[in-house]
Amino acid sequence: MEEKVYSQRELTAAVRSAIEDRATWFYLLLKVAEEGGLDQDAVAKTAMTRYGKIKSENFKDVKTAGDFVTRLSSGHTLDAFAMEKLVVEDNRGELKFEHCALFEAWKKLGCTPQEIENLCKMANYGDYGILSTIKGLKMEFPKMLAKGDSYCQVVVTRQ
């Protein structure tokens, strides 16, 4: 079979499309959970934290805040989320995300701004799940597209 070569633009579009699909099924699963009388936040917190802990296998050698943001922004996610590393230090790491395919998918689904903010918070449980396996680091999202900011900002600090 002949290997096909894709441009960076095509690859970024494909990754963003896959993330939008993930955002759509995440939304639909939570809607079904709610229809079944379950607390969406509790379901998402449990499931996404478990997911984050699985993903933490890729973060085993991370020791510092800078290591964490470097690993989080590696590979195809760098372009998919239009990430920029703002600070990469042992005690502090900051990333700026100028694009979020999850946010875009939820807008396309017709979610209200409040629903999008809640969905984003619940999706972030996965990030907190990853971080829960690394001692001494704390994560915050001081800016978020879902809160009306022009970008998302992730700040990781040593506690």
C-alpha atoms as a PDB file:
ATOM      1  CA  MET A   1       0.000   0.000   0.000  1.00  0.00           C
ATOM      2  CA  GLU A   2       1.319   3.397  -0.967  1.00  0.00           C
ATOM      3  CA  GLU A   3       1.868   5.850   1.877  1.00  0.00           C
ATOM      4  CA  LYS A   4      -0.114   9.055   1.525  1.00  0.00           C
ATOM      5  CA  VAL A   5       1.490  12.328   2.557  1.00  0.00           C
ATOM      6  CA  TYR A   6      -0.636  15.029   4.168  1.00  0.00           C
ATOM      7  CA  SER A   7       0.124  18.692   4.600  1.00  0.00           C
ATOM      8  CA  GLN A   8       0.222  20.146   8.113  1.00  0.00           C
ATOM      9  CA  ARG A   9      -2.996  21.999   7.334  1.00  0.00           C
ATOM     10  CA  GLU A  10      -4.765  18.752   6.334  1.00  0.00           C
ATOM     11  CA  LEU A  11      -3.453  16.931   9.401  1.00  0.00           C
ATOM     12  CA  THR A  12      -4.538  19.753  11.739  1.00  0.00           C
ATOM     13  CA  ALA A  13      -8.008  19.764  10.160  1.00  0.00           C
ATOM     14  CA  ALA A  14      -8.274  15.975  10.617  1.00  0.00           C
ATOM     15  CA  VAL A  15      -7.226  16.156  14.281  1.00  0.00           C
ATOM     16  CA  ARG A  16      -9.673  19.011  14.926  1.00  0.00           C
ATOM     17  CA  SER A  17     -12.452  17.012  13.264  1.00  0.00           C
ATOM     18  CA  ALA A  18     -11.696  14.016  15.489  1.00  0.00           C
ATOM     19  CA  ILE A  19     -11.776  16.259  18.566  1.00  0.00           C
ATOM     20  CA  GLU A  20     -15.118  17.719  17.440  1.00  0.00           C
ATOM     21  CA  ASP A  21     -16.470  14.173  17.127  1.00  0.00           C
ATOM     22  CA  ARG A  22     -15.248  13.445  20.673  1.00  0.00           C
ATOM     23  CA  ALA A  23     -16.963  16.611  21.916  1.00  0.00           C
ATOM     24  CA  THR A  24     -20.216  15.590  20.233  1.00  0.00           C
ATOM     25  CA  TRP A  25     -20.347  12.131  21.787  1.00  0.00           C
ATOM     26  CA  PHE A  26     -19.292  13.574  25.163  1.00  0.00           C
ATOM     27  CA  TYR A  27     -22.259  15.980  24.980  1.00  0.00           C
ATOM     28  CA  LEU A  28     -24.683  13.246  23.875  1.00  0.00           C
ATOM     29  CA  LEU A  29     -23.552  10.815  26.590  1.00  0.00           C
ATOM     30  CA  LEU A  30     -24.049  13.485  29.240  1.00  0.00           C
ATOM     31  CA  LYS A  31     -27.506  14.328  27.865  1.00  0.00           C
ATOM     32  CA  VAL A  32     -28.529  10.654  28.047  1.00  0.00           C
ATOM     33  CA  ALA A  33     -27.150  10.445  31.592  1.00  0.00           C
ATOM     34  CA  GLU A  34     -29.202  13.493  32.554  1.00  0.00           C
ATOM     35  CA  GLU A  35     -32.327  12.043  30.918  1.00  0.00           C
ATOM     36  CA  GLY A  36     -31.758   8.925  33.027  1.00  0.00           C
ATOM     37  CA  GLY A  37     -31.768  11.019  36.184  1.00  0.00           C
ATOM     38  CA  LEU A  38     -28.012  11.057  36.692  1.00  0.00           C
ATOM     39  CA  ASP A  39     -26.003  14.120  37.693  1.00  0.00           C
ATOM     40  CA  GLN A  40     -24.031  15.154  34.577  1.00  0.00           C
ATOM     41  CA  ASP A  41     -21.223  16.691  36.603  1.00  0.00           C
ATOM     42  CA  ALA A  42     -20.788  13.605  38.792  1.00  0.00           C
ATOM     43  CA  VAL A  43     -20.771  11.291  35.758  1.00  0.00           C
ATOM     44  CA  ALA A  44     -18.285  13.494  33.888  1.00  0.00           C
ATOM     45  CA  LYS A  45     -16.028  13.955  36.910  1.00  0.00           C
ATOM     46  CA  THR A  46     -15.776  10.209  37.493  1.00  0.00           C
ATOM     47  CA  ALA A  47     -15.359   9.235  33.835  1.00  0.00           C
ATOM     48  CA  MET A  48     -13.033  12.051  32.786  1.00  0.00           C
ATOM     49  CA  THR A  49     -10.837  11.698  35.863  1.00  0.00           C
ATOM     50  CA  ARG A  50     -10.443   8.001  35.046  1.00  0.00           C
ATOM     51  CA  TYR A  51      -9.651   8.934  31.444  1.00  0.00           C
ATOM     52  CA  GLY A  52      -7.032  11.433  32.640  1.00  0.00           C
ATOM     53  CA  LYS A  53      -5.413   8.820  34.840  1.00  0.00           C
ATOM     54  CA  ILE A  54      -5.163   6.499  31.825  1.00  0.00           C
ATOM     55  CA  LYS A  55      -3.640   9.312  29.753  1.00  0.00           C
ATOM     56  CA  SER A  56      -1.187  10.039  32.581  1.00  0.00           C
ATOM     57  CA  GLU A  57       0.865   7.066  31.343  1.00  0.00           C
ATOM     58  CA  ASN A  58       2.252   9.541  28.791  1.00  0.00           C
ATOM     59  CA  PHE A  59       3.298  11.879  31.626  1.00  0.00           C
ATOM     60  CA  LYS A  60       5.269   9.422  33.806  1.00  0.00           C
ATOM     61  CA  ASP A  61       8.562  11.300  33.504  1.00  0.00           C
ATOM     62  CA  VAL A  62       7.001  14.728  34.177  1.00  0.00           C
ATOM     63  CA  LYS A  63       8.363  16.317  37.352  1.00  0.00           C
ATOM     64  CA  THR A  64       8.004  20.085  36.902  1.00  0.00           C
ATOM     65  CA  ALA A  65       5.342  22.544  35.786  1.00  0.00           C
ATOM     66  CA  GLY A  66       7.398  23.245  32.672  1.00  0.00           C
ATOM     67  CA  ASP A  67       7.637  19.525  31.901  1.00  0.00           C
ATOM     68  CA  PHE A  68       3.853  19.254  32.176  1.00  0.00           C
ATOM     69  CA  VAL A  69       3.025  22.066  29.746  1.00  0.00           C
ATOM     70  CA  THR A  70       5.725  20.849  27.357  1.00  0.00           C
ATOM     71  CA  ARG A  71       4.214  17.353  27.317  1.00  0.00           C
ATOM     72  CA  LEU A  72       0.637  18.686  27.087  1.00  0.00           C
ATOM     73  CA  SER A  73       1.580  20.755  24.050  1.00  0.00           C
ATOM     74  CA  SER A  74       3.549  18.061  22.234  1.00  0.00           C
ATOM     75  CA  GLY A  75       2.628  16.284  19.037  1.00  0.00           C
ATOM     76  CA  HIS A  76      -0.347  17.162  16.890  1.00  0.00           C
ATOM     77  CA  THR A  77      -2.228  18.871  19.719  1.00  0.00           C
ATOM     78  CA  LEU A  78       0.111  21.869  19.425  1.00  0.00           C
ATOM     79  CA  ASP A  79      -1.380  22.815  16.052  1.00  0.00           C
ATOM     80  CA  ALA A  80      -4.869  21.422  16.680  1.00  0.00           C
ATOM     81  CA  PHE A  81      -5.354  23.771  19.644  1.00  0.00           C
ATOM     82  CA  ALA A  82      -3.139  26.536  18.202  1.00  0.00           C
ATOM     83  CA  MET A  83      -1.069  26.398  21.386  1.00  0.00           C
ATOM     84  CA  GLU A  84       1.610  28.818  22.401  1.00  0.00           C
ATOM     85  CA  LYS A  85       3.945  28.169  25.316  1.00  0.00           C
ATOM     86  CA  LEU A  86       4.015  31.348  27.389  1.00  0.00           C
ATOM     87  CA  VAL A  87       6.093  30.151  30.352  1.00  0.00           C
ATOM     88  CA  VAL A  88       8.132  26.957  30.671  1.00  0.00           C
ATOM     89  CA  GLU A  89       9.910  26.947  34.038  1.00  0.00           C
ATOM     90  CA  ASP A  90      10.329  24.396  36.816  1.00  0.00           C
ATOM     91  CA  ASN A  91       7.841  26.147  39.120  1.00  0.00           C
ATOM     92  CA  ARG A  92       5.467  27.565  36.504  1.00  0.00           C
ATOM     93  CA  GLY A  93       4.178  26.616  33.090  1.00  0.00           C
ATOM     94  CA  GLU A  94       1.638  28.494  30.989  1.00  0.00           C
ATOM     95  CA  LEU A  95      -0.051  27.654  27.714  1.00  0.00           C
ATOM     96  CA  LYS A  96      -2.306  29.744  25.534  1.00  0.00           C
ATOM     97  CA  PHE A  97      -4.849  27.919  23.336  1.00  0.00           C
ATOM     98  CA  GLU A  98      -6.301  30.016  20.548  1.00  0.00           C
ATOM     99  CA  HIS A  99      -8.518  27.272  19.108  1.00  0.00           C
ATOM    100  CA  CYS A 100     -10.627  24.602  20.781  1.00  0.00           C
ATOM    101  CA  ALA A 101     -12.427  22.044  18.632  1.00  0.00           C
ATOM    102  CA  LEU A 102     -14.546  20.957  21.612  1.00  0.00           C
ATOM    103  CA  PHE A 103     -15.787  24.536  22.037  1.00  0.00           C
ATOM    104  CA  GLU A 104     -16.463  24.779  18.297  1.00  0.00           C
ATOM    105  CA  ALA A 105     -18.422  21.504  18.275  1.00  0.00           C
ATOM    106  CA  TRP A 106     -20.602  22.572  21.203  1.00  0.00           C
ATOM    107  CA  LYS A 107     -21.388  25.862  19.447  1.00  0.00           C
ATOM    108  CA  LYS A 108     -22.358  23.921  16.286  1.00  0.00           C
ATOM    109  CA  LEU A 109     -24.638  21.703  18.386  1.00  0.00           C
ATOM    110  CA  GLY A 110     -26.485  24.834  19.501  1.00  0.00           C
ATOM    111  CA  CYS A 111     -25.423  24.673  23.136  1.00  0.00           C
ATOM    112  CA  THR A 112     -26.044  27.777  25.193  1.00  0.00           C
ATOM    113  CA  PRO A 113     -23.063  29.723  26.566  1.00  0.00           C
ATOM    114  CA  GLN A 114     -23.822  28.301  30.035  1.00  0.00           C
ATOM    115  CA  GLU A 115     -23.956  24.743  28.684  1.00  0.00           C
ATOM    116  CA  ILE A 116     -20.639  25.275  26.906  1.00  0.00           C
ATOM    117  CA  GLU A 117     -19.029  26.616  30.068  1.00  0.00           C
ATOM    118  CA  ASN A 118     -20.266  23.577  32.019  1.00  0.00           C
ATOM    119  CA  LEU A 119     -19.164  21.143  29.304  1.00  0.00           C
ATOM    120  CA  CYS A 120     -15.732  22.728  29.221  1.00  0.00           C
ATOM    121  CA  LYS A 121     -15.427  22.474  33.000  1.00  0.00           C
ATOM    122  CA  MET A 122     -16.403  18.811  32.815  1.00  0.00           C
ATOM    123  CA  ALA A 123     -13.980  18.080  29.962  1.00  0.00           C
ATOM    124  CA  ASN A 124     -11.206  19.645  32.066  1.00  0.00           C
ATOM    125  CA  TYR A 125     -11.678  16.867  34.628  1.00  0.00           C
ATOM    126  CA  GLY A 126      -9.548  14.812  32.235  1.00  0.00           C
ATOM    127  CA  ASP A 127      -6.687  17.318  32.578  1.00  0.00           C
ATOM    128  CA  TYR A 128      -7.066  17.271  36.351  1.00  0.00           C
ATOM    129  CA  GLY A 129      -7.039  13.463  36.213  1.00  0.00           C
ATOM    130  CA  ILE A 130      -3.662  13.542  34.483  1.00  0.00           C
ATOM    131  CA  LEU A 131      -2.321  16.054  36.982  1.00  0.00           C
ATOM    132  CA  SER A 132      -3.616  14.022  39.941  1.00  0.00           C
ATOM    133  CA  THR A 133      -0.906  11.448  39.231  1.00  0.00           C
ATOM    134  CA  ILE A 134       1.898  14.026  39.479  1.00  0.00           C
ATOM    135  CA  LYS A 135       2.844  15.133  42.980  1.00  0.00           C
ATOM    136  CA  GLY A 136       3.133  18.803  43.856  1.00  0.00           C
ATOM    137  CA  LEU A 137       1.561  20.466  40.811  1.00  0.00           C
ATOM    138  CA  LYS A 138      -1.576  22.604  40.631  1.00  0.00           C
ATOM    139  CA  MET A 139      -3.493  23.619  37.489  1.00  0.00           C
ATOM    140  CA  GLU A 140      -5.795  26.562  36.804  1.00  0.00           C
ATOM    141  CA  PHE A 141      -7.631  27.902  33.768  1.00  0.00           C
ATOM    142  CA  PRO A 142      -7.703  31.694  34.339  1.00  0.00           C
ATOM    143  CA  LYS A 143      -8.936  32.398  30.803  1.00  0.00           C
ATOM    144  CA  MET A 144     -11.349  30.275  28.821  1.00  0.00           C
ATOM    145  CA  LEU A 145     -13.070  30.595  25.467  1.00  0.00           C
ATOM    146  CA  ALA A 146     -16.124  29.126  27.200  1.00  0.00           C
ATOM    147  CA  LYS A 147     -16.201  32.117  29.572  1.00  0.00           C
ATOM    148  CA  GLY A 148     -16.013  34.627  26.728  1.00  0.00           C
ATOM    149  CA  ASP A 149     -12.244  35.131  26.710  1.00  0.00           C
ATOM    150  CA  SER A 150     -10.450  35.313  23.354  1.00  0.00           C
ATOM    151  CA  TYR A 151      -8.318  32.270  24.264  1.00  0.00           C
ATOM    152  CA  CYS A 152      -7.835  29.589  26.908  1.00  0.00           C
ATOM    153  CA  GLN A 153      -4.939  29.822  29.310  1.00  0.00           C
ATOM    154  CA  VAL A 154      -3.627  26.910  31.327  1.00  0.00           C
ATOM    155  CA  VAL A 155      -1.372  27.721  34.269  1.00  0.00           C
ATOM    156  CA  VAL A 156       0.475  24.940  36.095  1.00  0.00           C
ATOM    157  CA  THR A 157       2.405  25.771  39.251  1.00  0.00           C
ATOM    158  CA  ARG A 158       4.369  23.915  41.884  1.00  0.00           C
ATOM    159  CA  GLN A 159       2.456  23.829  45.167  1.00  0.00           C
END
